[in-house]
Amino acid sequence: MALGGPMVKFSVQTPDLGEATEELPVEYTGDPLEIGFNAQYILELLRYMPTDEVKMSFKAPERAATMEPVGNEDTPDYMCLVMRVA
């Protein structure tokens, strides 16, 4: 995952299937950041998020990130910790 500017770029590489990239618009403030995650973990977390909009918070590329729903006052304590891939 590469952040910096108005887009996030997702890059995936697998030995069996090859490579793919996708870009999505985001609201991001901070220095450019590249961080690796297991794509299946991210998809699983997104599948159970109670909202369509998600906030991810990063401190540094070598640290874990947090994910939480945006605009869901019914479950304000819902937060997920996502470990990076080394």
N, C-alpha and C. Protein backbone atom coordinates (compact mmCIF):
# COMPACT_ATOMS: atom_id res chain seq x y z
N MET A 1 0.85 -1.15 0.00
CA MET A 1 0.00 0.00 0.00
C MET A 1 0.91 1.23 0.00
N ALA A 2 0.68 2.15 -0.94
CA ALA A 2 1.46 3.37 -1.03
C ALA A 2 0.52 4.57 -0.89
N LEU A 3 0.80 5.41 0.10
CA LEU A 3 -0.01 6.60 0.35
C LEU A 3 0.84 7.85 0.12
N GLY A 4 0.18 8.90 -0.32
CA GLY A 4 0.84 10.17 -0.54
C GLY A 4 0.05 10.94 -1.58
N GLY A 5 -0.71 11.91 -1.17
CA GLY A 5 -1.56 12.64 -2.10
C GLY A 5 -2.99 12.15 -2.04
N PRO A 6 -3.76 12.39 -3.09
CA PRO A 6 -5.18 12.08 -3.06
C PRO A 6 -5.55 10.64 -3.41
N MET A 7 -4.54 9.78 -3.65
CA MET A 7 -4.83 8.40 -4.04
C MET A 7 -4.01 7.43 -3.18
N VAL A 8 -4.57 6.24 -2.96
CA VAL A 8 -3.82 5.14 -2.36
C VAL A 8 -3.63 4.11 -3.46
N LYS A 9 -2.44 3.58 -3.55
CA LYS A 9 -2.14 2.58 -4.58
C LYS A 9 -1.92 1.24 -3.89
N PHE A 10 -2.69 0.26 -4.31
CA PHE A 10 -2.54 -1.10 -3.81
C PHE A 10 -1.79 -1.91 -4.86
N SER A 11 -0.77 -2.62 -4.44
CA SER A 11 -0.01 -3.50 -5.33
C SER A 11 0.02 -4.88 -4.72
N VAL A 12 -0.25 -5.88 -5.54
CA VAL A 12 -0.27 -7.27 -5.08
C VAL A 12 0.62 -8.09 -6.01
N GLN A 13 1.41 -8.96 -5.41
CA GLN A 13 2.26 -9.87 -6.17
C GLN A 13 2.10 -11.27 -5.60
N THR A 14 1.75 -12.22 -6.46
CA THR A 14 1.66 -13.61 -6.04
C THR A 14 2.38 -14.48 -7.06
N PRO A 15 3.09 -15.49 -6.61
CA PRO A 15 3.82 -16.34 -7.55
C PRO A 15 2.91 -17.07 -8.54
N ASP A 16 1.73 -17.46 -8.10
CA ASP A 16 0.82 -18.25 -8.94
C ASP A 16 0.01 -17.39 -9.92
N LEU A 17 -0.37 -16.18 -9.49
CA LEU A 17 -1.29 -15.37 -10.29
C LEU A 17 -0.66 -14.16 -10.95
N GLY A 18 0.51 -13.74 -10.51
CA GLY A 18 1.16 -12.58 -11.11
C GLY A 18 0.99 -11.33 -10.27
N GLU A 19 0.89 -10.18 -10.95
CA GLU A 19 0.83 -8.89 -10.27
C GLU A 19 -0.43 -8.13 -10.66
N ALA A 20 -0.85 -7.24 -9.74
CA ALA A 20 -1.99 -6.36 -10.01
C ALA A 20 -1.82 -5.09 -9.20
N THR A 21 -2.36 -3.99 -9.72
CA THR A 21 -2.37 -2.72 -8.98
C THR A 21 -3.74 -2.08 -9.13
N GLU A 22 -4.09 -1.30 -8.13
CA GLU A 22 -5.37 -0.57 -8.12
C GLU A 22 -5.17 0.71 -7.35
N GLU A 23 -5.81 1.78 -7.78
CA GLU A 23 -5.75 3.05 -7.07
C GLU A 23 -7.16 3.47 -6.68
N LEU A 24 -7.27 4.04 -5.48
CA LEU A 24 -8.55 4.55 -4.98
C LEU A 24 -8.33 5.93 -4.39
N PRO A 25 -9.33 6.81 -4.50
CA PRO A 25 -9.20 8.13 -3.88
C PRO A 25 -9.29 8.03 -2.37
N VAL A 26 -8.48 8.84 -1.68
CA VAL A 26 -8.47 8.87 -0.22
C VAL A 26 -8.27 10.30 0.25
N GLU A 27 -8.55 10.51 1.51
CA GLU A 27 -8.17 11.74 2.20
C GLU A 27 -6.99 11.35 3.07
N TYR A 28 -5.82 11.83 2.72
CA TYR A 28 -4.61 11.44 3.45
C TYR A 28 -3.81 12.68 3.79
N THR A 29 -3.42 12.78 5.06
CA THR A 29 -2.53 13.85 5.49
C THR A 29 -1.30 13.20 6.09
N GLY A 30 -0.16 13.69 5.73
CA GLY A 30 1.08 13.13 6.25
C GLY A 30 2.08 12.94 5.14
N ASP A 31 3.26 12.49 5.54
CA ASP A 31 4.33 12.22 4.59
C ASP A 31 3.99 10.99 3.76
N PRO A 32 4.54 10.87 2.56
CA PRO A 32 4.34 9.66 1.77
C PRO A 32 4.73 8.42 2.57
N LEU A 33 3.99 7.34 2.38
CA LEU A 33 4.17 6.14 3.20
C LEU A 33 3.93 4.91 2.34
N GLU A 34 4.83 3.95 2.43
CA GLU A 34 4.63 2.64 1.81
C GLU A 34 4.68 1.61 2.92
N ILE A 35 3.65 0.75 2.97
CA ILE A 35 3.55 -0.24 4.03
C ILE A 35 2.88 -1.49 3.47
N GLY A 36 3.35 -2.64 3.90
CA GLY A 36 2.81 -3.90 3.39
C GLY A 36 1.89 -4.57 4.40
N PHE A 37 0.77 -5.09 3.89
CA PHE A 37 -0.19 -5.84 4.69
C PHE A 37 -0.56 -7.11 3.94
N ASN A 38 -1.01 -8.11 4.65
CA ASN A 38 -1.59 -9.28 4.03
C ASN A 38 -2.96 -8.86 3.49
N ALA A 39 -3.15 -8.94 2.19
CA ALA A 39 -4.39 -8.47 1.56
C ALA A 39 -5.62 -9.20 2.09
N GLN A 40 -5.49 -10.48 2.41
CA GLN A 40 -6.63 -11.24 2.94
C GLN A 40 -7.08 -10.69 4.29
N TYR A 41 -6.14 -10.24 5.12
CA TYR A 41 -6.51 -9.67 6.42
C TYR A 41 -7.28 -8.37 6.23
N ILE A 42 -6.80 -7.52 5.33
CA ILE A 42 -7.49 -6.25 5.07
C ILE A 42 -8.90 -6.50 4.54
N LEU A 43 -9.04 -7.42 3.59
CA LEU A 43 -10.36 -7.73 3.04
C LEU A 43 -11.30 -8.27 4.11
N GLU A 44 -10.78 -9.11 4.98
CA GLU A 44 -11.60 -9.67 6.06
C GLU A 44 -12.09 -8.58 7.01
N LEU A 45 -11.22 -7.65 7.36
CA LEU A 45 -11.63 -6.55 8.23
C LEU A 45 -12.67 -5.67 7.55
N LEU A 46 -12.46 -5.37 6.29
CA LEU A 46 -13.42 -4.53 5.56
C LEU A 46 -14.78 -5.21 5.42
N ARG A 47 -14.77 -6.52 5.31
CA ARG A 47 -16.03 -7.27 5.16
C ARG A 47 -16.93 -7.07 6.38
N TYR A 48 -16.34 -6.91 7.57
CA TYR A 48 -17.13 -6.80 8.79
C TYR A 48 -17.23 -5.37 9.34
N MET A 49 -16.69 -4.40 8.63
CA MET A 49 -16.83 -3.01 9.07
C MET A 49 -18.31 -2.62 8.96
N PRO A 50 -18.83 -1.95 9.97
CA PRO A 50 -20.25 -1.59 9.95
C PRO A 50 -20.57 -0.38 9.05
N THR A 51 -19.55 0.24 8.44
CA THR A 51 -19.77 1.38 7.55
C THR A 51 -18.99 1.18 6.26
N ASP A 52 -19.36 1.94 5.23
CA ASP A 52 -18.64 1.88 3.96
C ASP A 52 -17.36 2.69 3.98
N GLU A 53 -17.26 3.67 4.87
CA GLU A 53 -16.08 4.51 4.97
C GLU A 53 -15.27 4.09 6.19
N VAL A 54 -13.94 3.97 6.00
CA VAL A 54 -13.05 3.47 7.03
C VAL A 54 -11.90 4.45 7.22
N LYS A 55 -11.50 4.63 8.46
CA LYS A 55 -10.33 5.46 8.78
C LYS A 55 -9.18 4.54 9.16
N MET A 56 -8.05 4.71 8.47
CA MET A 56 -6.83 3.98 8.83
C MET A 56 -5.85 4.99 9.39
N SER A 57 -5.21 4.63 10.49
CA SER A 57 -4.22 5.50 11.13
C SER A 57 -2.87 4.81 11.14
N PHE A 58 -1.84 5.56 10.75
CA PHE A 58 -0.48 5.05 10.67
C PHE A 58 0.45 5.92 11.49
N LYS A 59 1.42 5.32 12.13
CA LYS A 59 2.46 6.09 12.81
C LYS A 59 3.76 6.03 12.02
N ALA A 60 4.10 4.86 11.50
CA ALA A 60 5.33 4.68 10.73
C ALA A 60 5.21 3.37 9.94
N PRO A 61 5.99 3.23 8.85
CA PRO A 61 5.89 2.01 8.04
C PRO A 61 6.25 0.73 8.78
N GLU A 62 7.03 0.83 9.83
CA GLU A 62 7.43 -0.38 10.56
C GLU A 62 6.49 -0.71 11.73
N ARG A 63 5.40 0.04 11.86
CA ARG A 63 4.46 -0.19 12.96
C ARG A 63 3.10 -0.65 12.42
N ALA A 64 2.29 -1.20 13.28
CA ALA A 64 0.94 -1.62 12.92
C ALA A 64 0.07 -0.39 12.64
N ALA A 65 -1.05 -0.61 11.97
CA ALA A 65 -2.02 0.45 11.70
C ALA A 65 -3.33 0.10 12.39
N THR A 66 -4.19 1.08 12.56
CA THR A 66 -5.52 0.82 13.10
C THR A 66 -6.56 1.15 12.03
N MET A 67 -7.66 0.43 12.08
CA MET A 67 -8.80 0.67 11.19
C MET A 67 -10.04 0.82 12.05
N GLU A 68 -10.85 1.82 11.72
CA GLU A 68 -12.11 2.01 12.45
C GLU A 68 -13.16 2.59 11.51
N PRO A 69 -14.43 2.30 11.78
CA PRO A 69 -15.49 2.83 10.93
C PRO A 69 -15.65 4.33 11.10
N VAL A 70 -16.10 4.98 10.03
CA VAL A 70 -16.36 6.42 10.06
C VAL A 70 -17.87 6.62 10.01
N GLY A 71 -18.39 7.44 10.91
CA GLY A 71 -19.81 7.77 10.87
C GLY A 71 -20.72 6.73 11.50
N ASN A 72 -20.20 5.88 12.35
CA ASN A 72 -21.04 4.87 12.98
C ASN A 72 -21.04 5.09 14.49
N GLU A 73 -21.95 5.91 14.94
CA GLU A 73 -22.03 6.24 16.36
C GLU A 73 -22.58 5.07 17.19
N ASP A 74 -23.17 4.07 16.53
CA ASP A 74 -23.74 2.93 17.25
C ASP A 74 -22.65 2.04 17.87
N THR A 75 -21.48 1.97 17.25
CA THR A 75 -20.38 1.15 17.78
C THR A 75 -19.11 1.99 17.84
N PRO A 76 -19.06 2.99 18.71
CA PRO A 76 -17.89 3.87 18.73
C PRO A 76 -16.61 3.19 19.21
N ASP A 77 -16.71 2.04 19.83
CA ASP A 77 -15.53 1.36 20.35
C ASP A 77 -14.97 0.32 19.38
N TYR A 78 -15.49 0.26 18.18
CA TYR A 78 -15.06 -0.74 17.20
C TYR A 78 -13.76 -0.27 16.55
N MET A 79 -12.66 -0.99 16.78
CA MET A 79 -11.37 -0.65 16.20
C MET A 79 -10.60 -1.94 15.95
N CYS A 80 -9.87 -1.99 14.83
CA CYS A 80 -9.08 -3.16 14.49
C CYS A 80 -7.61 -2.77 14.38
N LEU A 81 -6.75 -3.64 14.83
CA LEU A 81 -5.32 -3.46 14.71
C LEU A 81 -4.84 -4.35 13.57
N VAL A 82 -4.09 -3.76 12.63
CA VAL A 82 -3.61 -4.48 11.47
C VAL A 82 -2.09 -4.49 11.50
N MET A 83 -1.51 -5.67 11.61
CA MET A 83 -0.06 -5.79 11.64
C MET A 83 0.50 -5.74 10.23
N ARG A 84 1.62 -5.09 10.06
CA ARG A 84 2.24 -5.00 8.75
C ARG A 84 2.97 -6.30 8.43
N VAL A 85 3.27 -6.50 7.16
CA VAL A 85 4.06 -7.63 6.72
C VAL A 85 5.50 -7.16 6.64
N ALA A 86 6.39 -7.90 7.22
CA ALA A 86 7.81 -7.51 7.22
C ALA A 86 8.46 -7.83 5.89
